[in-house]
Amino acid sequence: MAPGVIVAARLAPADADVETLRFTGNHNGFVLLKHMIQEKDAQGRDKNAPFPIYSLYMHLAYPTWSGDRTEPYADVPWFAACSMRRTE
């Protein structure tokens, strides 16, 4: 996986969209990442201008937002940063 930045995310409360979950059978949480890719030539020099590639992670289960170490996302660095911002 290439380094990237979060462009968009939907991680709702655990009880959100119960009807959606029942209808689709899946969670509707997602994270969209933007990666800037730099092509290199045979000598390792930059070949062209960087270009974006996007990664979409879908059907993410909702976090509990509890801050508890038992949280499934507890050890994910970007989630910890988002969770900390949410509680400040």
Protein backbone atom coordinates (compact mmCIF):
# COMPACT_ATOMS: atom_id res chain seq x y z
CA MET A 1 0.00 0.00 0.00
CA ALA A 2 1.26 3.46 -0.88
CA PRO A 3 1.17 6.38 1.56
CA GLY A 4 -1.92 8.49 1.15
CA VAL A 5 -4.33 10.95 2.67
CA ILE A 6 -7.93 10.44 3.65
CA VAL A 7 -10.15 12.26 1.16
CA ALA A 8 -13.51 11.13 2.54
CA ALA A 9 -14.79 8.77 5.20
CA ARG A 10 -18.08 7.59 6.65
CA LEU A 11 -17.79 5.89 10.02
CA ALA A 12 -21.14 6.41 11.71
CA PRO A 13 -22.18 5.51 15.25
CA ALA A 14 -22.73 1.80 15.84
CA ASP A 15 -26.52 2.11 15.84
CA ALA A 16 -26.74 4.34 12.74
CA ASP A 17 -28.55 3.16 9.63
CA VAL A 18 -29.90 -0.02 11.18
CA GLU A 19 -32.44 -0.08 8.36
CA THR A 20 -29.65 0.14 5.75
CA LEU A 21 -27.77 -2.71 7.41
CA ARG A 22 -30.92 -4.84 7.49
CA PHE A 23 -31.73 -4.04 3.85
CA THR A 24 -28.25 -4.51 2.35
CA GLY A 25 -26.75 -7.03 4.74
CA ASN A 26 -23.58 -4.91 4.85
CA HIS A 27 -22.27 -1.90 6.70
CA ASN A 28 -22.06 1.26 4.62
CA GLY A 29 -18.94 2.75 6.20
CA PHE A 30 -16.11 3.63 3.85
CA VAL A 31 -12.74 5.36 3.62
CA LEU A 32 -11.45 6.91 0.37
CA LEU A 33 -7.67 7.44 0.15
CA LYS A 34 -5.70 9.48 -2.39
CA HIS A 35 -2.18 8.34 -3.23
CA MET A 36 0.23 10.44 -5.32
CA ILE A 37 2.32 8.15 -7.53
CA GLN A 38 5.65 9.26 -8.99
CA GLU A 39 7.05 7.35 -11.98
CA LYS A 40 10.81 6.84 -12.03
CA ASP A 41 13.14 6.13 -14.94
CA ALA A 42 15.81 3.40 -14.95
CA GLN A 43 18.22 5.71 -13.09
CA GLY A 44 15.67 6.48 -10.37
CA ARG A 45 14.93 10.03 -11.52
CA ASP A 46 11.39 11.40 -11.64
CA LYS A 47 9.94 10.63 -15.06
CA ASN A 48 6.69 12.63 -15.21
CA ALA A 49 4.55 14.74 -12.91
CA PRO A 50 3.00 12.79 -10.02
CA PHE A 51 -0.51 11.50 -10.64
CA PRO A 52 -3.25 10.45 -8.20
CA ILE A 53 -4.57 6.96 -7.61
CA TYR A 54 -7.49 6.37 -5.26
CA SER A 55 -8.22 3.43 -2.95
CA LEU A 56 -11.75 2.82 -1.68
CA TYR A 57 -12.27 0.64 1.39
CA MET A 58 -15.96 -0.27 1.60
CA HIS A 59 -18.38 -2.01 3.94
CA LEU A 60 -16.44 -1.01 7.06
CA ALA A 61 -18.12 -1.90 10.32
CA TYR A 62 -19.00 1.05 12.52
CA PRO A 63 -16.62 1.83 15.38
CA THR A 64 -18.01 2.19 18.88
CA TRP A 65 -16.06 5.46 19.35
CA SER A 66 -15.50 4.40 22.95
CA GLY A 67 -11.72 4.86 23.00
CA ASP A 68 -11.52 1.43 24.62
CA ARG A 69 -8.55 -0.77 23.67
CA THR A 70 -11.02 -3.53 22.74
CA GLU A 71 -12.27 -1.35 19.86
CA PRO A 72 -11.54 -3.26 16.61
CA TYR A 73 -9.96 -0.12 15.12
CA ALA A 74 -7.91 0.71 18.26
CA ASP A 75 -4.52 -0.07 16.69
CA VAL A 76 -5.19 1.63 13.34
CA PRO A 77 -3.21 4.92 13.36
CA TRP A 78 -5.54 6.97 11.13
CA PHE A 79 -8.56 5.87 13.17
CA ALA A 80 -6.86 6.81 16.43
CA ALA A 81 -6.20 10.31 15.02
CA CYS A 82 -9.83 10.67 13.86
CA SER A 83 -11.16 9.35 17.15
CA MET A 84 -8.99 11.74 19.14
CA ARG A 85 -10.21 14.71 17.04
CA ARG A 86 -13.80 13.62 17.46
CA THR A 87 -13.57 13.69 21.27
CA GLU A 88 -11.66 16.98 21.58
